[in-house]
Protein backbone atom coordinates (compact mmCIF):
# COMPACT_ATOMS: atom_id res chain seq x y z
CA MET A 1 -12.49 -3.59 78.84
CA ASN A 2 -13.64 -7.53 78.74
CA LYS A 3 -13.85 -10.58 81.20
CA TYR A 4 -9.89 -10.62 81.67
CA ARG A 5 -9.81 -6.54 82.48
CA THR A 6 -11.29 -3.57 83.08
CA HIS A 7 -7.40 -1.84 83.32
CA ASN A 8 -4.03 -2.44 82.57
CA CYS A 9 -1.07 -2.75 85.00
CA SER A 10 -0.17 0.67 84.79
CA GLU A 11 -3.29 2.65 84.63
CA LEU A 12 -4.93 2.86 88.19
CA LYS A 13 -4.32 6.05 90.06
CA GLN A 14 -5.68 7.30 93.30
CA THR A 15 -8.82 8.93 91.34
CA HIS A 16 -9.88 5.25 91.03
CA ALA A 17 -9.82 4.70 94.85
CA GLY A 18 -12.97 3.08 95.70
CA GLU A 19 -13.55 1.11 92.48
CA THR A 20 -14.02 -2.36 91.66
CA VAL A 21 -11.35 -3.49 89.20
CA SER A 22 -10.13 -6.66 87.25
CA LEU A 23 -6.62 -7.12 86.06
CA SER A 24 -4.80 -9.91 84.31
CA GLY A 25 -1.17 -10.76 84.18
CA TRP A 26 1.61 -12.42 85.53
CA LEU A 27 2.42 -13.07 89.02
CA HIS A 28 5.77 -11.12 89.08
CA ARG A 29 6.89 -11.35 92.56
CA LYS A 30 5.33 -12.17 96.22
CA ARG A 31 6.02 -10.82 99.57
CA ASP A 32 4.81 -12.52 102.77
CA HIS A 33 4.68 -10.65 105.99
CA GLY A 34 2.68 -13.59 107.70
CA ASN A 35 -0.63 -11.54 107.91
CA LEU A 36 -0.56 -9.90 104.75
CA LEU A 37 0.75 -11.23 101.11
CA PHE A 38 1.50 -8.73 98.84
CA ILE A 39 1.82 -9.82 94.82
CA ASP A 40 3.03 -7.75 92.07
CA LEU A 41 0.86 -8.25 89.03
CA ARG A 42 2.42 -7.70 85.62
CA ASP A 43 1.39 -7.34 82.31
CA HIS A 44 2.61 -5.73 78.74
CA TYR A 45 2.28 -2.41 80.57
CA GLY A 46 3.56 -2.47 83.99
CA LEU A 47 3.32 -3.28 87.77
CA THR A 48 0.36 -3.05 90.11
CA GLN A 49 0.74 -3.90 93.83
CA CYS A 50 -1.96 -6.38 95.00
CA VAL A 51 -2.80 -7.01 98.79
CA VAL A 52 -4.59 -10.56 100.01
CA GLU A 53 -5.15 -10.91 103.88
CA ASN A 54 -4.76 -14.26 105.73
CA ASN A 55 -8.28 -14.22 106.18
CA ASN A 56 -9.11 -13.79 102.71
CA LYS A 57 -9.90 -17.79 101.13
CA PHE A 58 -7.36 -17.10 98.41
CA PHE A 59 -4.67 -16.31 100.57
CA SER A 60 -3.29 -19.70 100.84
CA ILE A 61 -3.98 -20.48 97.08
CA LEU A 62 -1.76 -17.50 96.05
CA GLU A 63 0.74 -18.37 98.74
CA LYS A 64 1.82 -21.75 97.03
CA LEU A 65 1.33 -20.39 93.57
CA ARG A 66 4.73 -20.21 91.62
CA SER A 67 6.18 -17.11 90.21
CA GLU A 68 4.77 -15.92 86.47
CA SER A 69 1.69 -17.98 86.68
CA VAL A 70 -1.21 -16.14 84.77
CA LEU A 71 -4.10 -15.09 86.76
CA THR A 72 -6.95 -12.60 86.67
CA ILE A 73 -7.49 -10.62 90.08
CA ILE A 74 -10.56 -8.65 91.14
CA GLY A 75 -10.51 -6.32 93.71
CA LYS A 76 -10.86 -3.06 95.17
CA VAL A 77 -8.67 -0.12 94.68
CA VAL A 78 -7.59 1.54 98.05
CA LYS A 79 -4.99 4.61 98.27
CA ARG A 80 -1.69 3.33 100.06
CA GLU A 81 -0.73 4.43 103.51
CA LYS A 82 1.25 7.56 103.24
CA GLY A 83 5.14 6.97 103.59
CA THR A 84 4.41 3.36 101.94
CA GLU A 85 3.82 4.74 98.13
CA ASN A 86 6.40 3.77 95.45
CA PHE A 87 6.77 6.90 93.17
CA GLU A 88 9.01 5.19 90.66
CA LEU A 89 5.72 3.21 89.55
CA PRO A 90 2.71 4.66 87.67
CA THR A 91 0.74 2.84 90.04
CA GLY A 92 3.08 3.31 93.19
CA GLU A 93 0.10 5.49 94.96
CA ILE A 94 -2.61 2.71 95.18
CA GLU A 95 -2.76 -1.05 95.64
CA VAL A 96 -5.61 -3.63 94.61
CA ASP A 97 -7.40 -5.26 97.92
CA VAL A 98 -8.06 -8.52 96.47
CA GLN A 99 -11.39 -10.09 96.52
CA SER A 100 -11.15 -12.88 94.11
CA ILE A 101 -8.77 -14.35 91.77
CA LYS A 102 -8.91 -17.05 88.57
CA ILE A 103 -5.96 -18.99 87.72
CA LEU A 104 -5.51 -18.91 84.08
CA SER A 105 -2.62 -20.59 83.53
CA GLU A 106 -0.04 -22.25 86.13
CA ALA A 107 4.01 -21.73 85.63
CA LYS A 108 6.33 -24.93 86.44
CA ASP A 109 9.39 -23.87 88.33
CA LEU A 110 11.54 -21.45 86.49
CA PRO A 111 14.80 -22.25 84.88
CA MET A 112 15.66 -18.64 84.97
CA PRO A 113 14.27 -15.60 87.00
CA VAL A 114 12.20 -13.05 85.40
CA PHE A 115 12.33 -10.37 88.03
CA GLY A 116 15.68 -8.56 88.38
CA GLU A 117 18.44 -8.46 86.00
CA GLN A 118 20.39 -11.53 87.09
CA ASP A 119 23.18 -12.31 84.72
CA TYR A 120 22.47 -15.84 83.35
CA PRO A 121 23.95 -18.09 80.69
CA GLU A 122 23.54 -16.72 77.13
CA ASP A 123 22.20 -20.54 76.14
CA ILE A 124 19.87 -20.78 78.87
CA ARG A 125 18.39 -17.27 77.95
CA LEU A 126 17.86 -18.22 74.22
CA LYS A 127 16.67 -21.89 75.26
CA TYR A 128 13.88 -19.67 77.37
CA ARG A 129 13.92 -16.43 75.33
CA PHE A 130 10.11 -16.15 76.41
CA LEU A 131 10.87 -15.71 79.87
CA ASP A 132 13.97 -13.81 78.97
CA LEU A 133 11.79 -11.26 77.22
CA ARG A 134 9.53 -11.13 80.41
CA ARG A 135 12.42 -9.28 81.85
CA GLU A 136 11.58 -5.51 82.19
CA GLU A 137 15.23 -4.29 80.14
CA MET A 138 14.45 -6.99 77.52
CA HIS A 139 10.79 -6.09 77.38
CA LYS A 140 11.60 -2.25 76.78
CA ASN A 141 14.03 -2.93 74.30
CA ILE A 142 11.91 -5.03 71.88
CA ILE A 143 9.06 -2.12 72.51
CA LEU A 144 11.90 0.59 71.67
CA ARG A 145 12.39 -1.47 68.42
CA SER A 146 8.81 -1.31 67.48
CA LYS A 147 8.63 2.07 67.95
CA VAL A 148 11.88 2.82 65.89
CA VAL A 149 10.41 1.03 63.00
CA SER A 150 7.24 2.56 62.87
CA PHE A 151 9.02 6.14 63.20
CA ILE A 152 11.40 5.22 60.23
CA ARG A 153 8.49 4.42 58.13
CA SER A 154 6.73 7.70 59.03
CA GLU A 155 9.71 9.83 58.41
CA MET A 156 10.69 8.06 55.06
CA LEU A 157 7.00 8.76 53.94
CA LYS A 158 7.39 12.58 54.90
CA LEU A 159 10.44 12.47 52.72
CA GLY A 160 8.70 11.21 49.78
CA PHE A 161 9.83 7.63 49.63
CA LEU A 162 7.55 4.84 49.18
CA GLU A 163 7.93 1.37 50.58
CA TYR A 164 8.10 -1.76 48.19
CA GLN A 165 8.68 -5.14 49.14
CA THR A 166 11.36 -7.36 47.18
CA PRO A 167 11.60 -10.93 46.67
CA ILE A 168 13.11 -13.28 49.51
CA LEU A 169 13.63 -16.34 46.92
CA THR A 170 16.34 -15.04 44.56
CA SER A 171 19.72 -16.16 42.90
CA SER A 172 22.83 -16.54 44.65
CA SER A 173 25.77 -14.00 44.39
CA PRO A 174 29.43 -14.22 44.09
CA GLU A 175 29.93 -11.26 46.24
CA GLY A 176 29.44 -11.00 50.02
CA ALA A 177 29.58 -13.59 52.51
CA ARG A 178 28.14 -17.03 52.22
CA ASP A 179 24.51 -17.41 50.84
CA PHE A 180 21.90 -19.61 52.36
CA LEU A 181 20.60 -21.63 49.60
CA VAL A 182 17.14 -23.36 49.15
CA PRO A 183 16.54 -26.24 47.04
CA SER A 184 14.14 -26.24 44.19
CA ARG A 185 11.68 -29.33 44.23
CA LEU A 186 10.46 -28.14 40.83
CA ASN A 187 13.84 -27.65 39.63
CA PRO A 188 16.04 -30.60 40.67
CA GLY A 189 19.66 -29.88 41.37
CA LYS A 190 18.93 -26.11 41.35
CA PHE A 191 19.07 -23.86 44.55
CA TYR A 192 17.62 -20.49 45.51
CA ALA A 193 19.42 -18.27 47.47
CA LEU A 194 18.09 -16.11 50.50
CA PRO A 195 19.06 -12.35 49.71
CA GLN A 196 22.08 -11.03 51.59
CA ALA A 197 20.56 -7.77 50.48
CA PRO A 198 17.83 -6.51 48.26
CA GLN A 199 20.83 -4.95 46.44
CA GLN A 200 19.87 -5.85 42.41
CA PHE A 201 16.24 -5.35 43.23
CA LYS A 202 16.22 -2.26 44.58
CA GLN A 203 18.63 -0.94 41.52
CA LEU A 204 15.81 -2.52 39.44
CA ILE A 205 13.18 -0.69 40.98
CA MET A 206 15.18 2.52 39.69
CA VAL A 207 15.39 0.98 36.31
CA SER A 208 11.71 0.44 36.41
CA GLY A 209 10.70 3.84 36.86
CA PHE A 210 10.21 4.25 40.54
CA ASP A 211 12.15 7.50 42.17
CA LYS A 212 12.47 6.80 45.56
CA TYR A 213 12.21 3.30 47.37
CA PHE A 214 12.58 1.95 50.83
CA GLN A 215 11.90 -1.04 52.78
CA ILE A 216 12.67 -2.55 56.35
CA ALA A 217 14.43 -5.40 54.52
CA PRO A 218 15.08 -8.94 56.01
CA CYS A 219 18.60 -9.75 55.08
CA PHE A 220 20.43 -13.39 55.47
CA ARG A 221 24.01 -13.84 55.69
CA ASP A 222 25.87 -17.10 56.63
CA GLU A 223 28.41 -15.38 58.97
CA ASP A 224 29.99 -16.12 62.09
CA ALA A 225 28.58 -14.34 65.12
CA ARG A 226 29.71 -10.92 66.53
CA ALA A 227 28.66 -8.83 69.05
CA ASP A 228 27.07 -6.17 66.48
CA ARG A 229 26.23 -9.08 64.08
CA SER A 230 23.77 -11.82 63.84
CA PRO A 231 24.90 -15.12 62.40
CA GLY A 232 22.00 -15.77 60.32
CA GLU A 233 19.44 -13.04 59.68
CA PHE A 234 18.84 -9.23 60.04
CA TYR A 235 17.13 -6.24 59.31
CA GLN A 236 18.09 -2.98 57.44
CA LEU A 237 16.76 0.01 56.13
CA ASP A 238 16.96 -0.19 52.69
CA ILE A 239 17.01 3.01 50.46
CA GLU A 240 17.66 3.87 47.04
CA MET A 241 17.03 6.98 44.85
CA SER A 242 17.23 8.28 41.15
CA PHE A 243 18.91 11.06 39.82
CA VAL A 244 21.05 11.69 42.80
CA GLU A 245 24.47 12.26 43.55
CA GLN A 246 26.35 11.42 46.88
CA GLU A 247 25.52 14.75 48.95
CA ASP A 248 21.65 14.02 48.25
CA ILE A 249 21.79 10.40 50.00
CA PHE A 250 23.86 12.29 52.47
CA LYS A 251 21.24 14.71 53.06
CA VAL A 252 18.26 12.01 53.69
CA LEU A 253 20.44 9.98 55.96
CA GLU A 254 21.31 12.92 57.91
CA ILE A 255 17.87 14.22 58.36
CA LEU A 256 16.62 10.79 59.39
CA MET A 257 19.19 9.90 61.57
CA VAL A 258 19.38 13.26 63.69
CA ASN A 259 15.37 13.21 63.91
CA LEU A 260 15.52 9.47 65.11
CA PHE A 261 17.94 9.77 67.71
CA GLN A 262 16.75 12.81 68.98
CA LYS A 263 13.45 11.16 69.13
CA PHE A 264 14.28 8.05 71.03
CA SER A 265 17.70 8.99 73.40
CA SER A 266 18.03 11.81 75.31
CA LYS A 267 21.97 11.99 74.56
CA LYS A 268 23.37 14.98 72.33
CA VAL A 269 23.62 14.31 68.78
CA LEU A 270 27.04 16.25 68.11
CA ASN A 271 26.26 17.34 64.37
CA ASN A 272 23.27 17.79 62.12
CA LYS A 273 25.56 17.86 59.34
CA PHE A 274 28.15 15.10 59.41
CA PRO A 275 31.67 15.31 58.92
CA ARG A 276 33.10 13.74 55.66
CA ILE A 277 36.12 11.42 56.19
CA PRO A 278 38.28 10.34 53.12
CA TYR A 279 39.01 6.85 53.73
CA ASN A 280 42.84 7.23 53.50
CA GLU A 281 42.40 10.08 55.99
CA ALA A 282 40.47 7.91 58.51
CA MET A 283 43.31 5.05 58.35
CA LEU A 284 45.76 7.35 59.29
CA LYS A 285 44.16 9.81 62.01
CA TYR A 286 42.26 6.84 63.52
CA GLY A 287 43.53 3.56 62.12
CA THR A 288 40.34 2.39 61.09
CA ASP A 289 37.22 3.61 58.64
CA LYS A 290 35.06 2.91 61.82
CA PRO A 291 36.38 5.79 63.96
CA ASP A 292 34.86 6.93 67.35
CA LEU A 293 34.79 10.64 66.73
CA ARG A 294 33.61 10.98 70.60
CA ASN A 295 37.48 10.06 71.22
CA PRO A 296 39.82 13.33 70.85
CA LEU A 297 42.77 11.11 70.30
CA LEU A 298 44.67 11.10 67.00
CA ILE A 299 47.53 9.17 65.04
CA ASN A 300 50.20 10.52 63.54
CA ASP A 301 52.67 9.21 60.98
CA ILE A 302 56.25 9.99 62.17
CA THR A 303 58.22 7.62 59.91
CA ASN A 304 60.66 10.48 58.64
CA ILE A 305 61.73 11.08 62.18
CA PHE A 306 63.71 7.64 62.13
CA THR A 307 65.87 8.47 58.80
CA ARG A 308 67.18 11.43 60.90
CA ASP A 309 70.87 10.66 61.87
CA ASP A 310 70.10 12.22 65.79
CA VAL A 311 67.60 9.68 66.17
CA LYS A 312 69.50 6.59 67.72
CA PHE A 313 66.50 4.67 68.26
CA ASP A 314 67.96 1.64 66.07
CA ILE A 315 65.15 -1.29 66.50
CA PHE A 316 62.59 1.00 64.48
CA LYS A 317 65.15 2.77 62.39
CA LYS A 318 66.29 -0.81 61.13
CA LEU A 319 62.24 -1.91 60.45
CA VAL A 320 61.96 1.61 58.60
CA LYS A 321 64.70 0.76 56.14
CA SER A 322 63.12 -2.70 55.40
CA GLY A 323 59.68 -0.96 54.37
CA SER A 324 57.91 -0.54 57.94
CA ILE A 325 56.28 2.84 59.19
CA VAL A 326 55.97 4.54 62.55
CA ARG A 327 52.94 5.97 63.99
CA CYS A 328 51.98 7.46 67.20
CA ILE A 329 49.22 8.67 69.51
CA VAL A 330 49.72 11.75 71.81
CA THR A 331 47.81 12.00 75.03
CA LYS A 332 47.54 15.53 76.37
CA LYS A 333 48.97 16.44 79.60
CA THR A 334 49.90 13.15 80.92
CA LYS A 335 53.26 14.15 82.30
CA ASP A 336 52.10 13.29 85.84
CA LYS A 337 50.53 9.95 85.11
CA PRO A 338 52.54 7.02 86.84
CA ARG A 339 54.61 5.03 84.99
CA SER A 340 52.56 1.89 85.89
CA PHE A 341 49.88 3.87 83.32
CA PHE A 342 52.31 3.61 80.52
CA ASP A 343 53.54 0.09 81.21
CA ASN A 344 50.02 -1.15 81.40
CA ILE A 345 49.23 0.23 77.79
CA ASP A 346 52.43 -1.31 76.63
CA LYS A 347 51.76 -4.75 78.28
CA TRP A 348 48.19 -4.68 77.06
CA SER A 349 49.04 -4.09 73.33
CA LYS A 350 51.21 -7.00 73.73
CA GLU A 351 48.09 -9.32 74.77
CA GLN A 352 46.78 -8.05 71.49
CA GLY A 353 49.34 -9.77 69.66
CA ALA A 354 51.19 -6.51 68.65
CA SER A 355 55.16 -6.40 69.65
CA GLY A 356 54.57 -3.30 72.23
CA LEU A 357 54.09 0.26 72.30
CA ALA A 358 57.20 2.48 73.18
CA TYR A 359 56.51 5.65 75.01
CA PHE A 360 58.05 8.90 76.19
CA THR A 361 56.77 12.13 77.85
CA LEU A 362 57.86 15.29 76.51
CA GLU A 363 59.42 18.16 79.18
CA LYS A 364 61.27 21.24 79.31
CA ASN A 365 64.02 22.12 81.86
CA GLU A 366 67.15 24.15 80.07
CA LYS A 367 66.01 22.16 76.56
CA ILE A 368 63.32 20.13 75.25
CA SER A 369 63.80 16.24 76.41
CA ALA A 370 61.89 13.06 76.18
CA LYS A 371 61.30 10.89 79.37
CA GLY A 372 61.00 7.55 79.72
CA PRO A 373 62.23 3.94 78.29
CA VAL A 374 63.07 5.53 74.89
CA GLY A 375 63.49 9.18 75.53
CA LYS A 376 67.02 8.94 75.20
CA PHE A 377 67.00 7.93 71.63
CA PHE A 378 66.15 11.50 70.65
CA SER A 379 67.46 14.54 69.82
CA GLU A 380 65.85 17.87 71.22
CA ASP A 381 65.87 19.00 67.24
CA SER A 382 64.21 15.38 66.40
CA LEU A 383 61.66 16.02 69.41
CA LYS A 384 60.67 19.43 68.11
CA GLU A 385 59.90 18.06 64.19
CA ILE A 386 58.13 15.40 66.33
CA MET A 387 56.16 18.33 68.25
CA LYS A 388 55.83 20.06 64.82
CA ILE A 389 54.42 17.10 63.13
CA THR A 390 52.16 15.92 65.95
CA LYS A 391 51.23 19.12 67.75
CA ALA A 392 52.54 17.81 70.97
CA GLU A 393 53.30 20.08 73.70
CA VAL A 394 55.38 19.83 76.99
CA GLY A 395 53.98 17.67 79.05
CA ASP A 396 52.27 15.52 76.73
CA SER A 397 53.36 11.75 76.06
CA LEU A 398 53.35 9.58 72.84
CA PHE A 399 52.94 6.22 72.54
CA LEU A 400 54.69 4.78 69.32
CA ALA A 401 54.24 1.55 66.90
CA CYS A 402 56.35 0.36 64.08
CA GLY A 403 55.66 -2.43 61.55
CA LYS A 404 53.72 -2.94 58.70
CA ILE A 405 50.96 -0.75 57.73
CA ASN A 406 47.94 -3.09 58.30
CA GLU A 407 49.61 -4.28 61.29
CA ILE A 408 49.92 -0.38 62.76
CA GLU A 409 46.61 0.42 61.79
CA LYS A 410 44.87 -2.12 63.85
CA ILE A 411 46.74 -1.71 67.00
CA LEU A 412 46.57 1.98 67.09
CA SER A 413 42.96 1.97 66.30
CA ILE A 414 42.53 -0.34 69.17
CA SER A 415 45.19 1.30 71.60
CA ARG A 416 43.42 4.67 70.86
CA ASP A 417 40.03 3.45 72.04
CA LYS A 418 42.00 1.80 75.23
CA ILE A 419 44.06 5.01 76.06
CA ALA A 420 40.90 7.05 75.76
CA LYS A 421 38.66 4.91 78.18
CA ASP A 422 41.59 4.85 80.54
CA LEU A 423 41.77 8.54 80.35
CA ASN A 424 38.20 9.12 80.64
CA LEU A 425 38.18 11.04 77.40
CA ILE A 426 34.96 9.26 76.08
CA ASN A 427 31.90 11.32 76.70
CA GLU A 428 28.92 8.68 77.12
CA ASP A 429 26.15 11.30 76.53
CA GLN A 430 27.07 11.86 72.97
CA PHE A 431 26.23 10.28 69.56
CA ALA A 432 29.10 11.38 67.06
CA PHE A 433 28.14 10.48 63.43
CA CYS A 434 30.51 10.88 60.37
CA TRP A 435 30.56 9.62 56.95
CA ILE A 436 33.54 7.96 55.54
CA VAL A 437 33.90 8.92 51.75
CA ASP A 438 36.09 8.09 48.90
CA TYR A 439 36.79 4.59 49.23
CA PRO A 440 39.29 2.87 46.69
CA MET A 441 37.45 0.64 44.13
CA PHE A 442 39.53 -2.24 44.35
CA GLU A 443 41.96 -3.46 46.75
CA LEU A 444 44.67 -6.27 46.93
CA ASP A 445 43.92 -9.56 48.57
CA GLU A 446 46.62 -10.47 50.89
CA GLN A 447 46.59 -14.18 50.45
CA THR A 448 45.99 -14.42 46.60
CA LYS A 449 47.67 -11.16 46.02
CA LYS A 450 44.82 -10.52 43.27
CA ILE A 451 42.78 -7.67 42.69
CA LYS A 452 39.25 -7.57 44.43
CA PHE A 453 36.47 -5.36 44.89
CA SER A 454 37.16 -3.49 48.28
CA HIS A 455 33.22 -2.68 48.72
CA ASN A 456 30.16 -3.00 46.39
CA PRO A 457 30.80 -4.20 43.01
CA PHE A 458 27.95 -2.38 41.33
CA SER A 459 29.11 1.12 42.78
CA MET A 460 30.31 3.87 40.34
CA PRO A 461 34.02 5.00 39.87
CA GLN A 462 34.96 8.73 40.46
CA GLY A 463 35.69 10.59 37.61
CA GLU A 464 35.03 11.06 34.07
CA ILE A 465 34.88 7.32 32.38
CA GLU A 466 36.98 8.43 29.57
CA LYS A 467 39.90 9.53 31.63
CA LEU A 468 39.79 6.46 34.41
CA ASP A 469 43.44 4.94 34.48
CA PHE A 470 42.45 1.12 34.35
CA LYS A 471 46.30 0.27 34.07
CA ASP A 472 46.24 1.16 37.97
CA PRO A 473 43.10 0.13 38.92
CA LEU A 474 44.15 0.69 42.78
CA LYS A 475 44.09 3.92 42.64
CA ILE A 476 40.59 4.51 41.17
CA LYS A 477 38.12 5.62 43.84
CA ALA A 478 34.34 5.01 44.19
CA TYR A 479 31.18 6.64 45.00
CA GLN A 480 31.33 4.54 48.05
CA TYR A 481 30.43 5.66 51.94
CA ASP A 482 29.90 4.40 54.85
CA ILE A 483 27.83 5.97 58.18
CA VAL A 484 29.57 5.36 61.41
CA CYS A 485 28.06 6.49 64.77
CA ASN A 486 30.29 6.12 67.81
CA GLY A 487 32.67 3.54 66.37
CA VAL A 488 30.09 1.40 65.09
CA GLU A 489 29.30 0.98 61.07
CA LEU A 490 25.65 1.55 60.34
CA SER A 491 25.64 1.08 56.86
CA SER A 492 27.58 0.97 53.55
CA GLY A 493 26.08 2.80 50.51
CA ALA A 494 27.42 3.77 46.95
CA ILE A 495 25.96 5.94 43.90
CA ARG A 496 25.51 2.87 41.41
CA ASN A 497 27.23 1.88 38.18
CA HIS A 498 24.35 2.33 35.45
CA VAL A 499 26.51 1.78 32.40
CA PRO A 500 26.96 -1.91 31.13
CA GLU A 501 30.09 -1.72 29.34
CA LEU A 502 31.70 -0.01 32.29
CA MET A 503 30.51 -2.59 34.62
CA TYR A 504 32.06 -5.23 32.33
CA LYS A 505 35.49 -3.48 32.52
CA LEU A 506 35.48 -3.33 36.24
CA PHE A 507 34.46 -6.75 36.72
CA SER A 508 37.34 -8.05 34.32
CA ILE A 509 39.70 -6.21 36.65
CA ALA A 510 38.72 -8.21 39.42
CA GLY A 511 38.86 -11.48 37.61
CA TYR A 512 35.46 -11.62 36.25
CA ASP A 513 35.26 -12.48 32.32
CA LYS A 514 32.07 -11.20 30.53
CA LYS A 515 30.51 -14.97 30.09
CA LYS A 516 30.43 -15.16 33.85
CA VAL A 517 29.26 -11.87 34.68
CA GLU A 518 26.18 -12.32 32.43
CA GLU A 519 25.79 -15.62 33.93
CA LYS A 520 25.66 -13.76 37.60
CA PHE A 521 23.97 -10.72 36.90
CA SER A 522 21.74 -10.97 33.52
CA GLY A 523 19.02 -9.57 34.80
CA MET A 524 20.89 -6.46 36.11
CA LEU A 525 22.46 -6.05 32.84
CA ASN A 526 19.99 -6.43 30.74
CA ALA A 527 17.79 -4.03 32.75
CA LEU A 528 20.32 -1.48 32.59
CA SER A 529 20.76 -1.83 28.73
CA TYR A 530 17.39 -0.47 28.30
CA GLY A 531 17.95 2.93 29.76
CA ALA A 532 18.86 3.35 33.23
CA PRO A 533 18.95 6.55 35.36
CA PRO A 534 21.93 7.50 37.47
CA HIS A 535 20.84 6.22 41.17
CA GLY A 536 22.35 5.45 44.51
CA GLY A 537 21.08 4.42 47.88
CA ILE A 538 22.50 3.22 51.49
CA ALA A 539 21.11 0.43 53.92
CA PRO A 540 21.59 1.27 57.52
CA GLY A 541 21.47 -1.52 59.82
CA LEU A 542 18.29 -1.59 62.04
CA ASP A 543 19.60 -3.71 64.62
CA ARG A 544 22.74 -1.80 65.08
CA ILE A 545 20.57 1.63 65.60
CA VAL A 546 18.75 0.07 67.99
CA MET A 547 21.69 -1.37 69.78
CA LEU A 548 22.68 2.06 69.69
CA LEU A 549 19.61 3.97 71.15
CA ALA A 550 19.20 0.94 73.77
CA ASN A 551 22.74 1.57 74.93
CA GLU A 552 23.18 -2.25 74.43
CA LYS A 553 26.76 -3.97 73.32
CA ASN A 554 25.42 -6.95 72.07
CA ILE A 555 23.04 -7.24 69.48
CA ARG A 556 21.13 -9.97 70.63
CA GLU A 557 19.65 -7.72 73.43
CA ILE A 558 17.50 -5.89 71.13
CA THR A 559 16.57 -8.93 68.87
CA LEU A 560 13.35 -10.66 69.98
CA PHE A 561 14.45 -14.34 68.90
CA PRO A 562 18.12 -14.62 68.16
CA MET A 563 20.50 -17.44 67.38
CA ASN A 564 23.53 -18.16 69.38
CA GLN A 565 26.89 -17.95 68.44
CA ASN A 566 26.78 -21.45 66.45
CA ALA A 567 24.03 -20.29 64.48
CA GLN A 568 21.44 -22.40 66.48
CA ASP A 569 18.05 -21.35 67.52
CA LEU A 570 17.84 -23.39 71.05
CA MET A 571 14.40 -22.64 71.45
CA MET A 572 13.03 -23.51 68.10
CA LYS A 573 15.89 -26.25 67.85
CA ALA A 574 16.51 -25.10 64.63
CA PRO A 575 18.35 -25.95 62.24
CA SER A 576 17.07 -29.77 62.42
CA GLU A 577 17.24 -32.91 60.29
CA VAL A 578 14.46 -33.38 58.16
CA GLU A 579 12.45 -36.65 56.68
CA PRO A 580 14.25 -38.75 54.14
CA LYS A 581 10.88 -38.23 51.95
CA GLN A 582 11.58 -34.41 52.00
CA LEU A 583 14.98 -34.96 50.83
CA LYS A 584 14.24 -37.09 48.22
CA GLU A 585 11.76 -34.38 46.78
CA LEU A 586 14.38 -32.14 46.85
CA SER A 587 16.77 -34.70 45.07
CA ILE A 588 19.36 -34.21 48.15
CA LYS A 589 21.41 -36.83 49.61
CA THR A 590 23.25 -35.78 52.94
CA ASP A 591 25.64 -38.73 53.03
CA ILE A 592 28.53 -36.99 51.75
CA LYS A 593 32.00 -38.63 52.73
CA LYS A 594 34.48 -36.61 54.54
CA ASP A 595 37.95 -36.74 53.20
């Protein structure tokens, strides 16, 4: 190839035996057998074992050389002796007899190992990310990410989309997360914002007469870190289409996701056409709008049971009278589980901040009865009604929770996942996608008691505009939808509101007067007033897609140079202070007095 290598470290086979080759890479690992020194040389492509005899003049040099030093090795390819092959490596049937070496770059003592999969503190890993990325699993994840991006681009072009780039410096938006602000030198006292998403721009592309847009878009949100969310920046597959309905968006995404997940994973995609689950149904059955459909357990509402005279469970009955609800999870054929199983679930729920989970198991001797701490409070007739509502059978068990709806949804959602894992009900070799649809347009802010947008404020409400009941806005549903896979929300999307008068009305319900709306969205409103097509889109998170495909639990495992939990880049030492001169140019002072 060139002066550094004739082959890479995954290429050499038995057919190359007898050839003199040159390889370059990192000294991955050494094994000193006294008279022989075995070296694993690693590059981007793989590993090759090299052998140095003790009479070789380079033996002592390599013996002292630290791991991760970079070198060029020239040597002869030889077949390994029978029984010494490593069939897990592409080069496992050969080795290179070292004739000469050249040290290209010598490594210092390592702050963390590169060989193996040692669990090192995250701050160390992020500070020395260039070393962390040399590890095999990390290296594979980043390569996977690159291939996924390339595949997505190819598939989107096949589907008739064109890629366009939208601005990075834009205006601040009042909705969503906190903006990252960029001061303007030429406009003192004013600021750009880095885009939380290209939302307005991609709509403007549709208004401009383009039909199908996509972009692998960088997005910036000043948010707290989570396992599935970076604290600073992330990437999404941004999509927008003109003259479409909700189902048109779904069709595109289903084709893309099925092809993508079948291409890069051996796991089974359960359905080519993803189930559509209304939001209210999702909250009832799963306690969340991000359900894991691999989990067969469902939640049922049995509040009315506690209005019966033959139910003596007074604690729940009193709570129901004061406005609480009761919901339950049925576990099939768990009558033989020890009491410790049920008690541990109850104990765990209390550790999550709940008041606990009541439970009983359905039995039948002469009549149907309930076994468990609260079983005695239920008559046979009330148990039969519970069985009818929940489709529970004799031998099944029920976990019950009582409280305000938000509390119950939260605890039963995570309890559903906990119980399923304890019972080994989740098939880890599956991808279960679904759509959550029919989101409410508005919701009530629990703290301020004011009405606010539940999702995207630019969404189109469902139904004929003339017949919408603006006096009861909490009943208005929107053409908003989420795509979910294995309990992970990949994206939100919507059919957009392209009617300016309707937009003013909806924003007024959320507390924005016309002046405020025009101030914040003048570009959008102006464009919509010159003829806007019906349009809609979605923006699946690239990082979360790769995380699922790589079978990782933390988004930082599939990101080249992520920040830590405090939104700090420990490797590049960002954010950092800047020179006073720079601040002066930007008309900024940092000596703000604390209250």
